[in-house]
Amino acid sequence: MSGLLHTLFGYHTWANADLFGKLEELDPERQGAELARALRLISHYHVVARIFAAHLSGETHRYTSDNVAQTPTLADLRSAVTDSDRWYLDYVEHVPSGRLTERLAFMFTDGDKGYMSREEMLGHVILHGGYHRGEVGRILSQLSIMPPWDTLAVYLHQTEPARRLQGSQAPTSATTAAVSG
């Protein structure tokens, strides 16, 4: 198990959940076109994540392109992305670190051949998702909606607030009393 990969997929999961929360605030009547574009982008990076999950598992996937013909609803896509994120968290938790450098041959949906290490595939899923979340963030900005703070630093400090102490211990009441007395 790689600590960095676990952290990155924790961040990826957190960022996806945060983005879906923002999208649920959109008014489908007034902002339907923008919501449809956002869902299409998320559907694309979700499909790619599922394709790479199949490669990592040694399974055959059912996709013939890098997106589905019919974009899922917000609720269905959120559920599917959440399930996929859980799969990746479980995968990086249990994959032996020695297998991460193993290179796998695969086919892209356009028929081109590919050859990547497991670690490279995992990195691709993280970076690809972040790229497209950024595109969705731009859509939100154009609607004058503040996009989520989709950064690793924000994730680390929100999920582990003690990091703000920069490695020092939080003062206890006994320490505080001794210093002020």
C-alpha atoms as a PDB file:
ATOM      1  CA  MET A   1       0.000   0.000   0.000  1.00  0.00           C
ATOM      2  CA  SER A   2       1.277   3.447  -0.887  1.00  0.00           C
ATOM      3  CA  GLY A   3       0.646   6.203   1.640  1.00  0.00           C
ATOM      4  CA  LEU A   4       0.742   8.887  -1.041  1.00  0.00           C
ATOM      5  CA  LEU A   5      -1.691   7.036  -3.295  1.00  0.00           C
ATOM      6  CA  HIS A   6      -4.051   6.529  -0.362  1.00  0.00           C
ATOM      7  CA  THR A   7      -3.861  10.255   0.415  1.00  0.00           C
ATOM      8  CA  LEU A   8      -4.429  11.197  -3.223  1.00  0.00           C
ATOM      9  CA  PHE A   9      -7.459   8.943  -3.583  1.00  0.00           C
ATOM     10  CA  GLY A  10      -8.822  10.271  -0.280  1.00  0.00           C
ATOM     11  CA  TYR A  11      -8.445  13.751  -1.740  1.00  0.00           C
ATOM     12  CA  HIS A  12     -10.028  12.663  -5.036  1.00  0.00           C
ATOM     13  CA  THR A  13     -13.023  11.204  -3.174  1.00  0.00           C
ATOM     14  CA  TRP A  14     -13.393  14.335  -1.035  1.00  0.00           C
ATOM     15  CA  ALA A  15     -13.125  16.653  -4.067  1.00  0.00           C
ATOM     16  CA  ASN A  16     -15.721  14.667  -6.016  1.00  0.00           C
ATOM     17  CA  ALA A  17     -18.163  14.781  -3.089  1.00  0.00           C
ATOM     18  CA  ASP A  18     -17.602  18.520  -2.685  1.00  0.00           C
ATOM     19  CA  LEU A  19     -18.194  19.113  -6.391  1.00  0.00           C
ATOM     20  CA  PHE A  20     -21.432  17.135  -6.388  1.00  0.00           C
ATOM     21  CA  GLY A  21     -22.577  19.204  -3.405  1.00  0.00           C
ATOM     22  CA  LYS A  22     -22.072  22.368  -5.442  1.00  0.00           C
ATOM     23  CA  LEU A  23     -23.843  20.931  -8.484  1.00  0.00           C
ATOM     24  CA  GLU A  24     -26.874  20.034  -6.368  1.00  0.00           C
ATOM     25  CA  GLU A  25     -27.295  23.769  -5.704  1.00  0.00           C
ATOM     26  CA  LEU A  26     -27.837  24.536  -9.405  1.00  0.00           C
ATOM     27  CA  ASP A  27     -31.328  25.309 -10.618  1.00  0.00           C
ATOM     28  CA  PRO A  28     -32.059  22.801 -13.422  1.00  0.00           C
ATOM     29  CA  GLU A  29     -34.545  25.234 -14.987  1.00  0.00           C
ATOM     30  CA  ARG A  30     -32.264  28.275 -15.153  1.00  0.00           C
ATOM     31  CA  GLN A  31     -28.888  26.525 -15.288  1.00  0.00           C
ATOM     32  CA  GLY A  32     -29.802  23.308 -17.083  1.00  0.00           C
ATOM     33  CA  ALA A  33     -27.370  23.728 -19.989  1.00  0.00           C
ATOM     34  CA  GLU A  34     -24.442  24.332 -17.640  1.00  0.00           C
ATOM     35  CA  LEU A  35     -25.464  21.418 -15.430  1.00  0.00           C
ATOM     36  CA  ALA A  36     -25.658  19.159 -18.493  1.00  0.00           C
ATOM     37  CA  ARG A  37     -22.118  20.196 -19.565  1.00  0.00           C
ATOM     38  CA  ALA A  38     -20.816  19.582 -16.051  1.00  0.00           C
ATOM     39  CA  LEU A  39     -22.430  16.147 -15.854  1.00  0.00           C
ATOM     40  CA  ARG A  40     -21.038  15.247 -19.254  1.00  0.00           C
ATOM     41  CA  LEU A  41     -17.500  16.086 -18.090  1.00  0.00           C
ATOM     42  CA  ILE A  42     -17.908  14.123 -14.864  1.00  0.00           C
ATOM     43  CA  SER A  43     -19.395  11.191 -16.763  1.00  0.00           C
ATOM     44  CA  HIS A  44     -16.324  11.199 -18.996  1.00  0.00           C
ATOM     45  CA  TYR A  45     -13.784  11.090 -16.174  1.00  0.00           C
ATOM     46  CA  HIS A  46     -15.896   8.492 -14.381  1.00  0.00           C
ATOM     47  CA  VAL A  47     -15.953   6.230 -17.458  1.00  0.00           C
ATOM     48  CA  VAL A  48     -12.187   6.577 -17.806  1.00  0.00           C
ATOM     49  CA  ALA A  49     -11.781   5.687 -14.111  1.00  0.00           C
ATOM     50  CA  ARG A  50     -13.897   2.561 -14.627  1.00  0.00           C
ATOM     51  CA  ILE A  51     -11.891   1.590 -17.708  1.00  0.00           C
ATOM     52  CA  PHE A  52      -8.647   1.836 -15.748  1.00  0.00           C
ATOM     53  CA  ALA A  53     -10.191  -0.061 -12.829  1.00  0.00           C
ATOM     54  CA  ALA A  54     -10.864  -2.888 -15.273  1.00  0.00           C
ATOM     55  CA  HIS A  55      -7.255  -2.749 -16.501  1.00  0.00           C
ATOM     56  CA  LEU A  56      -5.989  -2.852 -12.901  1.00  0.00           C
ATOM     57  CA  SER A  57      -8.280  -5.798 -12.097  1.00  0.00           C
ATOM     58  CA  GLY A  58      -7.463  -7.749 -15.234  1.00  0.00           C
ATOM     59  CA  GLU A  59     -11.118  -7.624 -16.243  1.00  0.00           C
ATOM     60  CA  THR A  60     -12.766  -6.698 -19.505  1.00  0.00           C
ATOM     61  CA  HIS A  61     -14.770  -3.479 -19.474  1.00  0.00           C
ATOM     62  CA  ARG A  62     -17.886  -2.836 -21.525  1.00  0.00           C
ATOM     63  CA  TYR A  63     -16.991   0.639 -22.790  1.00  0.00           C
ATOM     64  CA  THR A  64     -16.483   1.350 -26.478  1.00  0.00           C
ATOM     65  CA  SER A  65     -15.633   5.035 -25.979  1.00  0.00           C
ATOM     66  CA  ASP A  66     -14.500   7.325 -23.186  1.00  0.00           C
ATOM     67  CA  ASN A  67     -18.053   8.360 -22.293  1.00  0.00           C
ATOM     68  CA  VAL A  68     -21.544   6.914 -22.353  1.00  0.00           C
ATOM     69  CA  ALA A  69     -24.138   7.864 -24.964  1.00  0.00           C
ATOM     70  CA  GLN A  70     -26.740   8.942 -22.410  1.00  0.00           C
ATOM     71  CA  THR A  71     -25.422  11.133 -19.601  1.00  0.00           C
ATOM     72  CA  PRO A  72     -26.609   9.873 -16.201  1.00  0.00           C
ATOM     73  CA  THR A  73     -28.699  12.028 -13.901  1.00  0.00           C
ATOM     74  CA  LEU A  74     -26.945  13.970 -11.161  1.00  0.00           C
ATOM     75  CA  ALA A  75     -28.094  11.477  -8.509  1.00  0.00           C
ATOM     76  CA  ASP A  76     -27.123   8.406 -10.552  1.00  0.00           C
ATOM     77  CA  LEU A  77     -23.743   9.858 -11.484  1.00  0.00           C
ATOM     78  CA  ARG A  78     -23.011  10.851  -7.892  1.00  0.00           C
ATOM     79  CA  SER A  79     -23.798   7.302  -6.765  1.00  0.00           C
ATOM     80  CA  ALA A  80     -21.640   5.765  -9.498  1.00  0.00           C
ATOM     81  CA  VAL A  81     -18.689   8.083  -8.820  1.00  0.00           C
ATOM     82  CA  THR A  82     -18.962   7.435  -5.074  1.00  0.00           C
ATOM     83  CA  ASP A  83     -18.885   3.671  -5.688  1.00  0.00           C
ATOM     84  CA  SER A  84     -15.902   4.053  -8.004  1.00  0.00           C
ATOM     85  CA  ASP A  85     -14.061   6.218  -5.484  1.00  0.00           C
ATOM     86  CA  ARG A  86     -14.637   3.559  -2.810  1.00  0.00           C
ATOM     87  CA  TRP A  87     -13.266   0.920  -5.186  1.00  0.00           C
ATOM     88  CA  TYR A  88     -10.066   2.929  -5.725  1.00  0.00           C
ATOM     89  CA  LEU A  89      -9.618   3.599  -2.004  1.00  0.00           C
ATOM     90  CA  ASP A  90      -9.949  -0.127  -1.353  1.00  0.00           C
ATOM     91  CA  TYR A  91      -7.592  -0.950  -4.214  1.00  0.00           C
ATOM     92  CA  VAL A  92      -4.777   1.338  -3.027  1.00  0.00           C
ATOM     93  CA  GLU A  93      -5.294   0.125   0.535  1.00  0.00           C
ATOM     94  CA  HIS A  94      -4.763  -3.521  -0.435  1.00  0.00           C
ATOM     95  CA  VAL A  95      -2.479  -3.567  -3.484  1.00  0.00           C
ATOM     96  CA  PRO A  96       0.979  -4.802  -2.474  1.00  0.00           C
ATOM     97  CA  SER A  97       3.480  -1.989  -3.049  1.00  0.00           C
ATOM     98  CA  GLY A  98       5.636  -4.310  -5.164  1.00  0.00           C
ATOM     99  CA  ARG A  99       2.819  -4.652  -7.693  1.00  0.00           C
ATOM    100  CA  LEU A 100       2.600  -0.888  -8.294  1.00  0.00           C
ATOM    101  CA  THR A 101       5.565  -0.941 -10.683  1.00  0.00           C
ATOM    102  CA  GLU A 102       4.130  -3.874 -12.647  1.00  0.00           C
ATOM    103  CA  ARG A 103       3.400  -2.756 -16.214  1.00  0.00           C
ATOM    104  CA  LEU A 104       0.225  -3.888 -17.911  1.00  0.00           C
ATOM    105  CA  ALA A 105      -0.654  -3.991 -21.593  1.00  0.00           C
ATOM    106  CA  PHE A 106      -4.141  -2.798 -22.528  1.00  0.00           C
ATOM    107  CA  MET A 107      -6.170  -1.301 -25.336  1.00  0.00           C
ATOM    108  CA  PHE A 108      -7.612   2.191 -25.353  1.00  0.00           C
ATOM    109  CA  THR A 109     -11.219   2.494 -26.506  1.00  0.00           C
ATOM    110  CA  ASP A 110     -10.009   3.959 -29.823  1.00  0.00           C
ATOM    111  CA  GLY A 111      -8.029   0.766 -30.495  1.00  0.00           C
ATOM    112  CA  ASP A 112      -4.572   2.137 -29.672  1.00  0.00           C
ATOM    113  CA  LYS A 113      -2.318  -0.046 -27.569  1.00  0.00           C
ATOM    114  CA  GLY A 114      -1.290   1.088 -24.096  1.00  0.00           C
ATOM    115  CA  TYR A 115       1.344  -0.025 -21.604  1.00  0.00           C
ATOM    116  CA  MET A 116       1.508   1.550 -18.149  1.00  0.00           C
ATOM    117  CA  SER A 117       2.465   0.585 -14.637  1.00  0.00           C
ATOM    118  CA  ARG A 118      -0.289   0.208 -12.075  1.00  0.00           C
ATOM    119  CA  GLU A 119       1.083   3.281 -10.323  1.00  0.00           C
ATOM    120  CA  GLU A 120       0.977   5.284 -13.567  1.00  0.00           C
ATOM    121  CA  MET A 121      -2.619   4.190 -14.157  1.00  0.00           C
ATOM    122  CA  LEU A 122      -3.576   5.306 -10.661  1.00  0.00           C
ATOM    123  CA  GLY A 123      -1.807   8.620 -11.202  1.00  0.00           C
ATOM    124  CA  HIS A 124      -3.641   9.064 -14.485  1.00  0.00           C
ATOM    125  CA  VAL A 125      -7.034   8.541 -12.823  1.00  0.00           C
ATOM    126  CA  ILE A 126      -6.222  11.172 -10.163  1.00  0.00           C
ATOM    127  CA  LEU A 127      -4.847  13.767 -12.593  1.00  0.00           C
ATOM    128  CA  HIS A 128      -7.547  13.187 -15.195  1.00  0.00           C
ATOM    129  CA  GLY A 129     -10.309  13.624 -12.629  1.00  0.00           C
ATOM    130  CA  GLY A 130      -8.687  16.794 -11.273  1.00  0.00           C
ATOM    131  CA  TYR A 131      -8.374  18.255 -14.754  1.00  0.00           C
ATOM    132  CA  HIS A 132     -12.061  17.770 -15.502  1.00  0.00           C
ATOM    133  CA  ARG A 133     -13.186  18.916 -12.035  1.00  0.00           C
ATOM    134  CA  GLY A 134     -11.328  22.113 -12.898  1.00  0.00           C
ATOM    135  CA  GLU A 135     -13.367  22.434 -16.071  1.00  0.00           C
ATOM    136  CA  VAL A 136     -16.562  22.017 -14.046  1.00  0.00           C
ATOM    137  CA  GLY A 137     -15.251  24.619 -11.600  1.00  0.00           C
ATOM    138  CA  ARG A 138     -14.886  27.023 -14.517  1.00  0.00           C
ATOM    139  CA  ILE A 139     -18.512  26.408 -15.479  1.00  0.00           C
ATOM    140  CA  LEU A 140     -19.541  27.235 -11.914  1.00  0.00           C
ATOM    141  CA  SER A 141     -17.402  30.398 -11.951  1.00  0.00           C
ATOM    142  CA  GLN A 142     -19.089  31.540 -15.156  1.00  0.00           C
ATOM    143  CA  LEU A 143     -22.392  31.214 -13.286  1.00  0.00           C
ATOM    144  CA  SER A 144     -20.933  33.418 -10.512  1.00  0.00           C
ATOM    145  CA  ILE A 145     -20.887  30.408  -8.173  1.00  0.00           C
ATOM    146  CA  MET A 146     -17.745  29.925  -6.112  1.00  0.00           C
ATOM    147  CA  PRO A 147     -16.328  26.527  -7.122  1.00  0.00           C
ATOM    148  CA  PRO A 148     -15.104  24.146  -4.431  1.00  0.00           C
ATOM    149  CA  TRP A 149     -11.604  24.607  -3.032  1.00  0.00           C
ATOM    150  CA  ASP A 150     -10.305  21.599  -4.989  1.00  0.00           C
ATOM    151  CA  THR A 151      -6.715  21.448  -3.738  1.00  0.00           C
ATOM    152  CA  LEU A 152      -4.726  18.821  -1.896  1.00  0.00           C
ATOM    153  CA  ALA A 153      -3.586  21.341   0.734  1.00  0.00           C
ATOM    154  CA  VAL A 154      -7.170  22.264   1.617  1.00  0.00           C
ATOM    155  CA  TYR A 155      -8.102  18.572   1.805  1.00  0.00           C
ATOM    156  CA  LEU A 156      -5.196  17.759   4.112  1.00  0.00           C
ATOM    157  CA  HIS A 157      -5.928  20.633   6.479  1.00  0.00           C
ATOM    158  CA  GLN A 158      -9.688  20.041   6.552  1.00  0.00           C
ATOM    159  CA  THR A 159      -9.375  16.314   7.181  1.00  0.00           C
ATOM    160  CA  GLU A 160      -6.458  16.676   9.610  1.00  0.00           C
ATOM    161  CA  PRO A 161      -6.831  20.069  11.328  1.00  0.00           C
ATOM    162  CA  ALA A 162      -3.895  19.314  13.643  1.00  0.00           C
ATOM    163  CA  ARG A 163      -1.616  19.928  10.640  1.00  0.00           C
ATOM    164  CA  ARG A 164      -2.181  23.626  11.265  1.00  0.00           C
ATOM    165  CA  LEU A 165      -0.111  23.147  14.426  1.00  0.00           C
ATOM    166  CA  GLN A 166       2.875  22.331  12.170  1.00  0.00           C
ATOM    167  CA  GLY A 167       3.876  19.238  14.103  1.00  0.00           C
ATOM    168  CA  SER A 168       3.672  20.768  17.563  1.00  0.00           C
ATOM    169  CA  GLN A 169       1.282  19.574  20.219  1.00  0.00           C
ATOM    170  CA  ALA A 170      -1.870  21.554  20.876  1.00  0.00           C
ATOM    171  CA  PRO A 171      -1.516  23.326  24.233  1.00  0.00           C
ATOM    172  CA  THR A 172      -3.287  21.467  27.024  1.00  0.00           C
ATOM    173  CA  SER A 173      -5.086  23.264  29.829  1.00  0.00           C
ATOM    174  CA  ALA A 174      -2.234  22.298  32.216  1.00  0.00           C
ATOM    175  CA  THR A 175       0.374  23.763  29.841  1.00  0.00           C
ATOM    176  CA  THR A 176      -1.713  26.904  29.370  1.00  0.00           C
ATOM    177  CA  ALA A 177      -2.099  27.330  33.132  1.00  0.00           C
ATOM    178  CA  ALA A 178       1.640  26.834  33.737  1.00  0.00           C
ATOM    179  CA  VAL A 179       2.585  29.361  31.039  1.00  0.00           C
ATOM    180  CA  SER A 180       0.100  32.010  32.172  1.00  0.00           C
ATOM    181  CA  GLY A 181       0.807  31.488  35.919  1.00  0.00           C
END
